[in-house]
Amino acid sequence: MLDRLFFPLIAALALAMVALAAVWPQGLGDRSPAPFGHEPVQRTAKVQAAMKRETEASEQRLRSAREAVADMQARTLSPTQ
């Protein structure tokens, strides 16, 4: 193939790919421009509630584990047995 045809075609292809990347949906992050964008999954009310429940459950497990360790330490260090 002639270089006069090959390099302009490659340049046009590169520009088309950059233009497509500018408007194509970007996964679960912020929305893309209007015709291609969609609501990110993490921003839906259902997922937000599930994430909140998971965080609260994790914090509760952490609190109960800390209390259990503190109770064990108190029993070990207490003079009355």
PDB file of N, CA and C in Angstrom:
ATOM      1  N   MET A   1       0.852  -1.177   0.000  1.00  0.00           N
ATOM      2  CA  MET A   1       0.000   0.000   0.000  1.00  0.00           C
ATOM      3  C   MET A   1       0.894   1.234   0.000  1.00  0.00           C
ATOM      4  N   LEU A   2       0.451   2.223  -0.680  1.00  0.00           N
ATOM      5  CA  LEU A   2       1.219   3.450  -0.763  1.00  0.00           C
ATOM      6  C   LEU A   2       1.189   4.202   0.559  1.00  0.00           C
ATOM      7  N   ASP A   3       2.322   4.784   0.899  1.00  0.00           N
ATOM      8  CA  ASP A   3       2.400   5.570   2.132  1.00  0.00           C
ATOM      9  C   ASP A   3       1.454   6.767   2.097  1.00  0.00           C
ATOM     10  N   ARG A   4       1.200   7.290   0.866  1.00  0.00           N
ATOM     11  CA  ARG A   4       0.306   8.442   0.731  1.00  0.00           C
ATOM     12  C   ARG A   4      -1.117   8.087   1.134  1.00  0.00           C
ATOM     13  N   LEU A   5      -1.509   6.832   1.034  1.00  0.00           N
ATOM     14  CA  LEU A   5      -2.841   6.407   1.437  1.00  0.00           C
ATOM     15  C   LEU A   5      -2.846   5.844   2.861  1.00  0.00           C
ATOM     16  N   PHE A   6      -1.799   5.131   3.190  1.00  0.00           N
ATOM     17  CA  PHE A   6      -1.754   4.431   4.474  1.00  0.00           C
ATOM     18  C   PHE A   6      -1.756   5.386   5.667  1.00  0.00           C
ATOM     19  N   PHE A   7      -0.861   6.346   5.684  1.00  0.00           N
ATOM     20  CA  PHE A   7      -0.738   7.228   6.836  1.00  0.00           C
ATOM     21  C   PHE A   7      -1.952   8.153   7.025  1.00  0.00           C
ATOM     22  N   PRO A   8      -2.549   8.713   5.987  1.00  0.00           N
ATOM     23  CA  PRO A   8      -3.789   9.471   6.214  1.00  0.00           C
ATOM     24  C   PRO A   8      -4.931   8.590   6.724  1.00  0.00           C
ATOM     25  N   LEU A   9      -5.020   7.350   6.240  1.00  0.00           N
ATOM     26  CA  LEU A   9      -6.048   6.443   6.753  1.00  0.00           C
ATOM     27  C   LEU A   9      -5.823   6.125   8.221  1.00  0.00           C
ATOM     28  N   ILE A  10      -4.581   5.902   8.621  1.00  0.00           N
ATOM     29  CA  ILE A  10      -4.263   5.631  10.023  1.00  0.00           C
ATOM     30  C   ILE A  10      -4.582   6.855  10.879  1.00  0.00           C
ATOM     31  N   ALA A  11      -4.259   8.050  10.384  1.00  0.00           N
ATOM     32  CA  ALA A  11      -4.555   9.276  11.127  1.00  0.00           C
ATOM     33  C   ALA A  11      -6.073   9.453  11.279  1.00  0.00           C
ATOM     34  N   ALA A  12      -6.836   9.201  10.219  1.00  0.00           N
ATOM     35  CA  ALA A  12      -8.285   9.324  10.297  1.00  0.00           C
ATOM     36  C   ALA A  12      -8.862   8.293  11.259  1.00  0.00           C
ATOM     37  N   LEU A  13      -8.331   7.080  11.229  1.00  0.00           N
ATOM     38  CA  LEU A  13      -8.786   6.046  12.152  1.00  0.00           C
ATOM     39  C   LEU A  13      -8.486   6.433  13.599  1.00  0.00           C
ATOM     40  N   ALA A  14      -7.302   6.990  13.847  1.00  0.00           N
ATOM     41  CA  ALA A  14      -6.949   7.425  15.201  1.00  0.00           C
ATOM     42  C   ALA A  14      -7.879   8.540  15.673  1.00  0.00           C
ATOM     43  N   LEU A  15      -8.180   9.495  14.829  1.00  0.00           N
ATOM     44  CA  LEU A  15      -9.099  10.577  15.198  1.00  0.00           C
ATOM     45  C   LEU A  15     -10.504  10.037  15.460  1.00  0.00           C
ATOM     46  N   ALA A  16     -10.951   9.077  14.655  1.00  0.00           N
ATOM     47  CA  ALA A  16     -12.270   8.488  14.876  1.00  0.00           C
ATOM     48  C   ALA A  16     -12.314   7.744  16.205  1.00  0.00           C
ATOM     49  N   MET A  17     -11.251   7.060  16.554  1.00  0.00           N
ATOM     50  CA  MET A  17     -11.210   6.331  17.829  1.00  0.00           C
ATOM     51  C   MET A  17     -11.221   7.297  19.006  1.00  0.00           C
ATOM     52  N   VAL A  18     -10.519   8.406  18.905  1.00  0.00           N
ATOM     53  CA  VAL A  18     -10.511   9.410  19.967  1.00  0.00           C
ATOM     54  C   VAL A  18     -11.903  10.025  20.111  1.00  0.00           C
ATOM     55  N   ALA A  19     -12.558  10.319  18.993  1.00  0.00           N
ATOM     56  CA  ALA A  19     -13.915  10.886  19.043  1.00  0.00           C
ATOM     57  C   ALA A  19     -14.893   9.887  19.660  1.00  0.00           C
ATOM     58  N   LEU A  20     -14.771   8.623  19.313  1.00  0.00           N
ATOM     59  CA  LEU A  20     -15.648   7.610  19.889  1.00  0.00           C
ATOM     60  C   LEU A  20     -15.406   7.463  21.390  1.00  0.00           C
ATOM     61  N   ALA A  21     -14.155   7.502  21.802  1.00  0.00           N
ATOM     62  CA  ALA A  21     -13.839   7.385  23.225  1.00  0.00           C
ATOM     63  C   ALA A  21     -14.372   8.577  24.020  1.00  0.00           C
ATOM     64  N   ALA A  22     -14.526   9.707  23.375  1.00  0.00           N
ATOM     65  CA  ALA A  22     -15.023  10.895  24.072  1.00  0.00           C
ATOM     66  C   ALA A  22     -16.515  10.790  24.404  1.00  0.00           C
ATOM     67  N   VAL A  23     -17.277   9.986  23.654  1.00  0.00           N
ATOM     68  CA  VAL A  23     -18.716   9.919  23.876  1.00  0.00           C
ATOM     69  C   VAL A  23     -19.213   8.540  24.293  1.00  0.00           C
ATOM     70  N   TRP A  24     -18.380   7.552  24.298  1.00  0.00           N
ATOM     71  CA  TRP A  24     -18.823   6.202  24.644  1.00  0.00           C
ATOM     72  C   TRP A  24     -19.034   6.097  26.148  1.00  0.00           C
ATOM     73  N   PRO A  25     -19.998   5.299  26.628  1.00  0.00           N
ATOM     74  CA  PRO A  25     -20.229   5.172  28.065  1.00  0.00           C
ATOM     75  C   PRO A  25     -18.961   4.760  28.814  1.00  0.00           C
ATOM     76  N   GLN A  26     -18.766   5.365  29.958  1.00  0.00           N
ATOM     77  CA  GLN A  26     -17.524   5.173  30.706  1.00  0.00           C
ATOM     78  C   GLN A  26     -17.692   4.201  31.865  1.00  0.00           C
ATOM     79  N   GLY A  27     -18.422   3.122  31.677  1.00  0.00           N
ATOM     80  CA  GLY A  27     -18.558   2.113  32.719  1.00  0.00           C
ATOM     81  C   GLY A  27     -19.442   2.592  33.849  1.00  0.00           C
ATOM     82  N   LEU A  28     -18.981   2.464  35.089  1.00  0.00           N
ATOM     83  CA  LEU A  28     -19.795   2.781  36.254  1.00  0.00           C
ATOM     84  C   LEU A  28     -19.460   4.150  36.846  1.00  0.00           C
ATOM     85  N   GLY A  29     -18.650   4.925  36.168  1.00  0.00           N
ATOM     86  CA  GLY A  29     -18.270   6.236  36.686  1.00  0.00           C
ATOM     87  C   GLY A  29     -19.296   7.295  36.321  1.00  0.00           C
ATOM     88  N   ASP A  30     -18.853   8.510  36.084  1.00  0.00           N
ATOM     89  CA  ASP A  30     -19.763   9.601  35.741  1.00  0.00           C
ATOM     90  C   ASP A  30     -20.374   9.375  34.373  1.00  0.00           C
ATOM     91  N   ARG A  31     -21.492  10.055  34.155  1.00  0.00           N
ATOM     92  CA  ARG A  31     -22.221   9.901  32.909  1.00  0.00           C
ATOM     93  C   ARG A  31     -21.444  10.435  31.726  1.00  0.00           C
ATOM     94  N   SER A  32     -21.654   9.815  30.594  1.00  0.00           N
ATOM     95  CA  SER A  32     -21.133  10.309  29.325  1.00  0.00           C
ATOM     96  C   SER A  32     -22.109  11.355  28.785  1.00  0.00           C
ATOM     97  N   PRO A  33     -21.759  12.031  27.704  1.00  0.00           N
ATOM     98  CA  PRO A  33     -22.684  13.004  27.126  1.00  0.00           C
ATOM     99  C   PRO A  33     -24.037  12.376  26.781  1.00  0.00           C
ATOM    100  N   ALA A  34     -25.040  13.195  26.622  1.00  0.00           N
ATOM    101  CA  ALA A  34     -26.453  12.811  26.566  1.00  0.00           C
ATOM    102  C   ALA A  34     -26.827  11.565  25.765  1.00  0.00           C
ATOM    103  N   PRO A  35     -26.496  11.434  24.513  1.00  0.00           N
ATOM    104  CA  PRO A  35     -27.073  10.288  23.801  1.00  0.00           C
ATOM    105  C   PRO A  35     -26.539   8.939  24.265  1.00  0.00           C
ATOM    106  N   PHE A  36     -25.392   8.900  24.898  1.00  0.00           N
ATOM    107  CA  PHE A  36     -24.779   7.641  25.291  1.00  0.00           C
ATOM    108  C   PHE A  36     -24.814   7.389  26.791  1.00  0.00           C
ATOM    109  N   GLY A  37     -25.076   8.410  27.592  1.00  0.00           N
ATOM    110  CA  GLY A  37     -24.963   8.288  29.037  1.00  0.00           C
ATOM    111  C   GLY A  37     -26.069   7.466  29.672  1.00  0.00           C
ATOM    112  N   HIS A  38     -25.807   6.956  30.858  1.00  0.00           N
ATOM    113  CA  HIS A  38     -26.792   6.235  31.649  1.00  0.00           C
ATOM    114  C   HIS A  38     -26.484   6.461  33.123  1.00  0.00           C
ATOM    115  N   GLU A  39     -27.472   6.201  33.970  1.00  0.00           N
ATOM    116  CA  GLU A  39     -27.297   6.406  35.413  1.00  0.00           C
ATOM    117  C   GLU A  39     -26.302   5.374  35.947  1.00  0.00           C
ATOM    118  N   PRO A  40     -25.216   5.812  36.594  1.00  0.00           N
ATOM    119  CA  PRO A  40     -24.274   4.854  37.166  1.00  0.00           C
ATOM    120  C   PRO A  40     -24.952   3.964  38.202  1.00  0.00           C
ATOM    121  N   VAL A  41     -24.574   2.710  38.236  1.00  0.00           N
ATOM    122  CA  VAL A  41     -25.218   1.718  39.100  1.00  0.00           C
ATOM    123  C   VAL A  41     -25.114   2.120  40.570  1.00  0.00           C
ATOM    124  N   GLN A  42     -23.978   2.653  41.001  1.00  0.00           N
ATOM    125  CA  GLN A  42     -23.796   2.997  42.409  1.00  0.00           C
ATOM    126  C   GLN A  42     -24.684   4.135  42.864  1.00  0.00           C
ATOM    127  N   ARG A  43     -25.253   4.884  41.967  1.00  0.00           N
ATOM    128  CA  ARG A  43     -26.091   6.024  42.345  1.00  0.00           C
ATOM    129  C   ARG A  43     -27.562   5.669  42.460  1.00  0.00           C
ATOM    130  N   THR A  44     -27.964   4.458  42.099  1.00  0.00           N
ATOM    131  CA  THR A  44     -29.369   4.088  42.212  1.00  0.00           C
ATOM    132  C   THR A  44     -29.731   3.908  43.683  1.00  0.00           C
ATOM    133  N   ALA A  45     -30.990   4.157  44.009  1.00  0.00           N
ATOM    134  CA  ALA A  45     -31.433   4.100  45.406  1.00  0.00           C
ATOM    135  C   ALA A  45     -31.288   2.689  45.978  1.00  0.00           C
ATOM    136  N   LYS A  46     -31.570   1.680  45.170  1.00  0.00           N
ATOM    137  CA  LYS A  46     -31.492   0.298  45.635  1.00  0.00           C
ATOM    138  C   LYS A  46     -30.057  -0.067  46.029  1.00  0.00           C
ATOM    139  N   VAL A  47     -29.105   0.294  45.200  1.00  0.00           N
ATOM    140  CA  VAL A  47     -27.705  -0.029  45.485  1.00  0.00           C
ATOM    141  C   VAL A  47     -27.193   0.811  46.648  1.00  0.00           C
ATOM    142  N   GLN A  48     -27.607   2.068  46.736  1.00  0.00           N
ATOM    143  CA  GLN A  48     -27.198   2.914  47.857  1.00  0.00           C
ATOM    144  C   GLN A  48     -27.677   2.317  49.176  1.00  0.00           C
ATOM    145  N   ALA A  49     -28.926   1.833  49.202  1.00  0.00           N
ATOM    146  CA  ALA A  49     -29.458   1.229  50.426  1.00  0.00           C
ATOM    147  C   ALA A  49     -28.703  -0.050  50.773  1.00  0.00           C
ATOM    148  N   ALA A  50     -28.395  -0.856  49.782  1.00  0.00           N
ATOM    149  CA  ALA A  50     -27.643  -2.093  50.029  1.00  0.00           C
ATOM    150  C   ALA A  50     -26.246  -1.786  50.549  1.00  0.00           C
ATOM    151  N   MET A  51     -25.599  -0.772  49.989  1.00  0.00           N
ATOM    152  CA  MET A  51     -24.265  -0.390  50.454  1.00  0.00           C
ATOM    153  C   MET A  51     -24.328   0.119  51.890  1.00  0.00           C
ATOM    154  N   LYS A  52     -25.374   0.882  52.230  1.00  0.00           N
ATOM    155  CA  LYS A  52     -25.524   1.394  53.593  1.00  0.00           C
ATOM    156  C   LYS A  52     -25.734   0.247  54.581  1.00  0.00           C
ATOM    157  N   ARG A  53     -26.604  -0.722  54.210  1.00  0.00           N
ATOM    158  CA  ARG A  53     -26.827  -1.885  55.079  1.00  0.00           C
ATOM    159  C   ARG A  53     -25.530  -2.678  55.277  1.00  0.00           C
ATOM    160  N   GLU A  54     -24.778  -2.855  54.219  1.00  0.00           N
ATOM    161  CA  GLU A  54     -23.524  -3.599  54.318  1.00  0.00           C
ATOM    162  C   GLU A  54     -22.528  -2.886  55.223  1.00  0.00           C
ATOM    163  N   THR A  55     -22.444  -1.566  55.099  1.00  0.00           N
ATOM    164  CA  THR A  55     -21.535  -0.791  55.939  1.00  0.00           C
ATOM    165  C   THR A  55     -21.938  -0.862  57.406  1.00  0.00           C
ATOM    166  N   GLU A  56     -23.231  -0.718  57.669  1.00  0.00           N
ATOM    167  CA  GLU A  56     -23.705  -0.787  59.054  1.00  0.00           C
ATOM    168  C   GLU A  56     -23.461  -2.167  59.659  1.00  0.00           C
ATOM    169  N   ALA A  57     -23.692  -3.223  58.886  1.00  0.00           N
ATOM    170  CA  ALA A  57     -23.441  -4.579  59.381  1.00  0.00           C
ATOM    171  C   ALA A  57     -21.960  -4.788  59.666  1.00  0.00           C
ATOM    172  N   SER A  58     -21.117  -4.266  58.805  1.00  0.00           N
ATOM    173  CA  SER A  58     -19.674  -4.386  59.006  1.00  0.00           C
ATOM    174  C   SER A  58     -19.234  -3.635  60.260  1.00  0.00           C
ATOM    175  N   GLU A  59     -19.771  -2.439  60.455  1.00  0.00           N
ATOM    176  CA  GLU A  59     -19.430  -1.669  61.647  1.00  0.00           C
ATOM    177  C   GLU A  59     -19.907  -2.372  62.912  1.00  0.00           C
ATOM    178  N   GLN A  60     -21.088  -2.987  62.865  1.00  0.00           N
ATOM    179  CA  GLN A  60     -21.608  -3.716  64.020  1.00  0.00           C
ATOM    180  C   GLN A  60     -20.709  -4.916  64.346  1.00  0.00           C
ATOM    181  N   ARG A  61     -20.294  -5.661  63.319  1.00  0.00           N
ATOM    182  CA  ARG A  61     -19.390  -6.796  63.553  1.00  0.00           C
ATOM    183  C   ARG A  61     -18.071  -6.328  64.161  1.00  0.00           C
ATOM    184  N   LEU A  62     -17.567  -5.212  63.689  1.00  0.00           N
ATOM    185  CA  LEU A  62     -16.321  -4.663  64.219  1.00  0.00           C
ATOM    186  C   LEU A  62     -16.489  -4.243  65.678  1.00  0.00           C
ATOM    187  N   ARG A  63     -17.616  -3.569  65.988  1.00  0.00           N
ATOM    188  CA  ARG A  63     -17.875  -3.165  67.372  1.00  0.00           C
ATOM    189  C   ARG A  63     -17.981  -4.379  68.294  1.00  0.00           C
ATOM    190  N   SER A  64     -18.707  -5.409  67.854  1.00  0.00           N
ATOM    191  CA  SER A  64     -18.870  -6.584  68.719  1.00  0.00           C
ATOM    192  C   SER A  64     -17.548  -7.327  68.891  1.00  0.00           C
ATOM    193  N   ALA A  65     -16.721  -7.351  67.878  1.00  0.00           N
ATOM    194  CA  ALA A  65     -15.410  -7.984  68.017  1.00  0.00           C
ATOM    195  C   ALA A  65     -14.541  -7.204  69.002  1.00  0.00           C
ATOM    196  N   ARG A  66     -14.578  -5.879  68.916  1.00  0.00           N
ATOM    197  CA  ARG A  66     -13.795  -5.064  69.852  1.00  0.00           C
ATOM    198  C   ARG A  66     -14.292  -5.247  71.284  1.00  0.00           C
ATOM    199  N   GLU A  67     -15.616  -5.319  71.453  1.00  0.00           N
ATOM    200  CA  GLU A  67     -16.167  -5.535  72.790  1.00  0.00           C
ATOM    201  C   GLU A  67     -15.765  -6.908  73.332  1.00  0.00           C
ATOM    202  N   ALA A  68     -15.751  -7.911  72.470  1.00  0.00           N
ATOM    203  CA  ALA A  68     -15.357  -9.250  72.903  1.00  0.00           C
ATOM    204  C   ALA A  68     -13.901  -9.272  73.354  1.00  0.00           C
ATOM    205  N   VAL A  69     -13.052  -8.605  72.620  1.00  0.00           N
ATOM    206  CA  VAL A  69     -11.638  -8.537  73.004  1.00  0.00           C
ATOM    207  C   VAL A  69     -11.489  -7.779  74.314  1.00  0.00           C
ATOM    208  N   ALA A  70     -12.217  -6.677  74.461  1.00  0.00           N
ATOM    209  CA  ALA A  70     -12.132  -5.898  75.702  1.00  0.00           C
ATOM    210  C   ALA A  70     -12.636  -6.726  76.887  1.00  0.00           C
ATOM    211  N   ASP A  71     -13.716  -7.506  76.708  1.00  0.00           N
ATOM    212  CA  ASP A  71     -14.215  -8.373  77.778  1.00  0.00           C
ATOM    213  C   ASP A  71     -13.189  -9.442  78.152  1.00  0.00           C
ATOM    214  N   MET A  72     -12.576 -10.036  77.146  1.00  0.00           N
ATOM    215  CA  MET A  72     -11.561 -11.068  77.426  1.00  0.00           C
ATOM    216  C   MET A  72     -10.370 -10.474  78.182  1.00  0.00           C
ATOM    217  N   GLN A  73      -9.962  -9.280  77.784  1.00  0.00           N
ATOM    218  CA  GLN A  73      -8.853  -8.617  78.460  1.00  0.00           C
ATOM    219  C   GLN A  73      -9.235  -8.267  79.896  1.00  0.00           C
ATOM    220  N   ALA A  74     -10.469  -7.809  80.085  1.00  0.00           N
ATOM    221  CA  ALA A  74     -10.914  -7.450  81.437  1.00  0.00           C
ATOM    222  C   ALA A  74     -10.952  -8.678  82.322  1.00  0.00           C
ATOM    223  N   ARG A  75     -11.413  -9.801  81.800  1.00  0.00           N
ATOM    224  CA  ARG A  75     -11.440 -11.043  82.589  1.00  0.00           C
ATOM    225  C   ARG A  75     -10.043 -11.539  82.917  1.00  0.00           C
ATOM    226  N   THR A  76      -9.123 -11.392  81.975  1.00  0.00           N
ATOM    227  CA  THR A  76      -7.760 -11.836  82.187  1.00  0.00           C
ATOM    228  C   THR A  76      -7.052 -10.971  83.212  1.00  0.00           C
ATOM    229  N   LEU A  77      -7.311  -9.687  83.196  1.00  0.00           N
ATOM    230  CA  LEU A  77      -6.596  -8.758  84.069  1.00  0.00           C
ATOM    231  C   LEU A  77      -7.282  -8.525  85.404  1.00  0.00           C
ATOM    232  N   SER A  78      -8.514  -8.969  85.575  1.00  0.00           N
ATOM    233  CA  SER A  78      -9.223  -8.694  86.824  1.00  0.00           C
ATOM    234  C   SER A  78      -8.645  -9.558  87.948  1.00  0.00           C
ATOM    235  N   PRO A  79      -8.535  -9.005  89.153  1.00  0.00           N
ATOM    236  CA  PRO A  79      -7.950  -9.759  90.267  1.00  0.00           C
ATOM    237  C   PRO A  79      -8.903 -10.840  90.811  1.00  0.00           C
ATOM    238  N   THR A  80     -10.183 -10.712  90.623  1.00  0.00           N
ATOM    239  CA  THR A  80     -11.119 -11.722  91.134  1.00  0.00           C
ATOM    240  C   THR A  80     -11.439 -12.732  90.035  1.00  0.00           C
ATOM    241  N   GLN A  81     -11.310 -13.988  90.415  1.00  0.00           N
ATOM    242  CA  GLN A  81     -11.612 -15.024  89.413  1.00  0.00           C
ATOM    243  C   GLN A  81     -12.485 -16.075  89.989  1.00  0.00           C
TER     244      GLN A  81
END
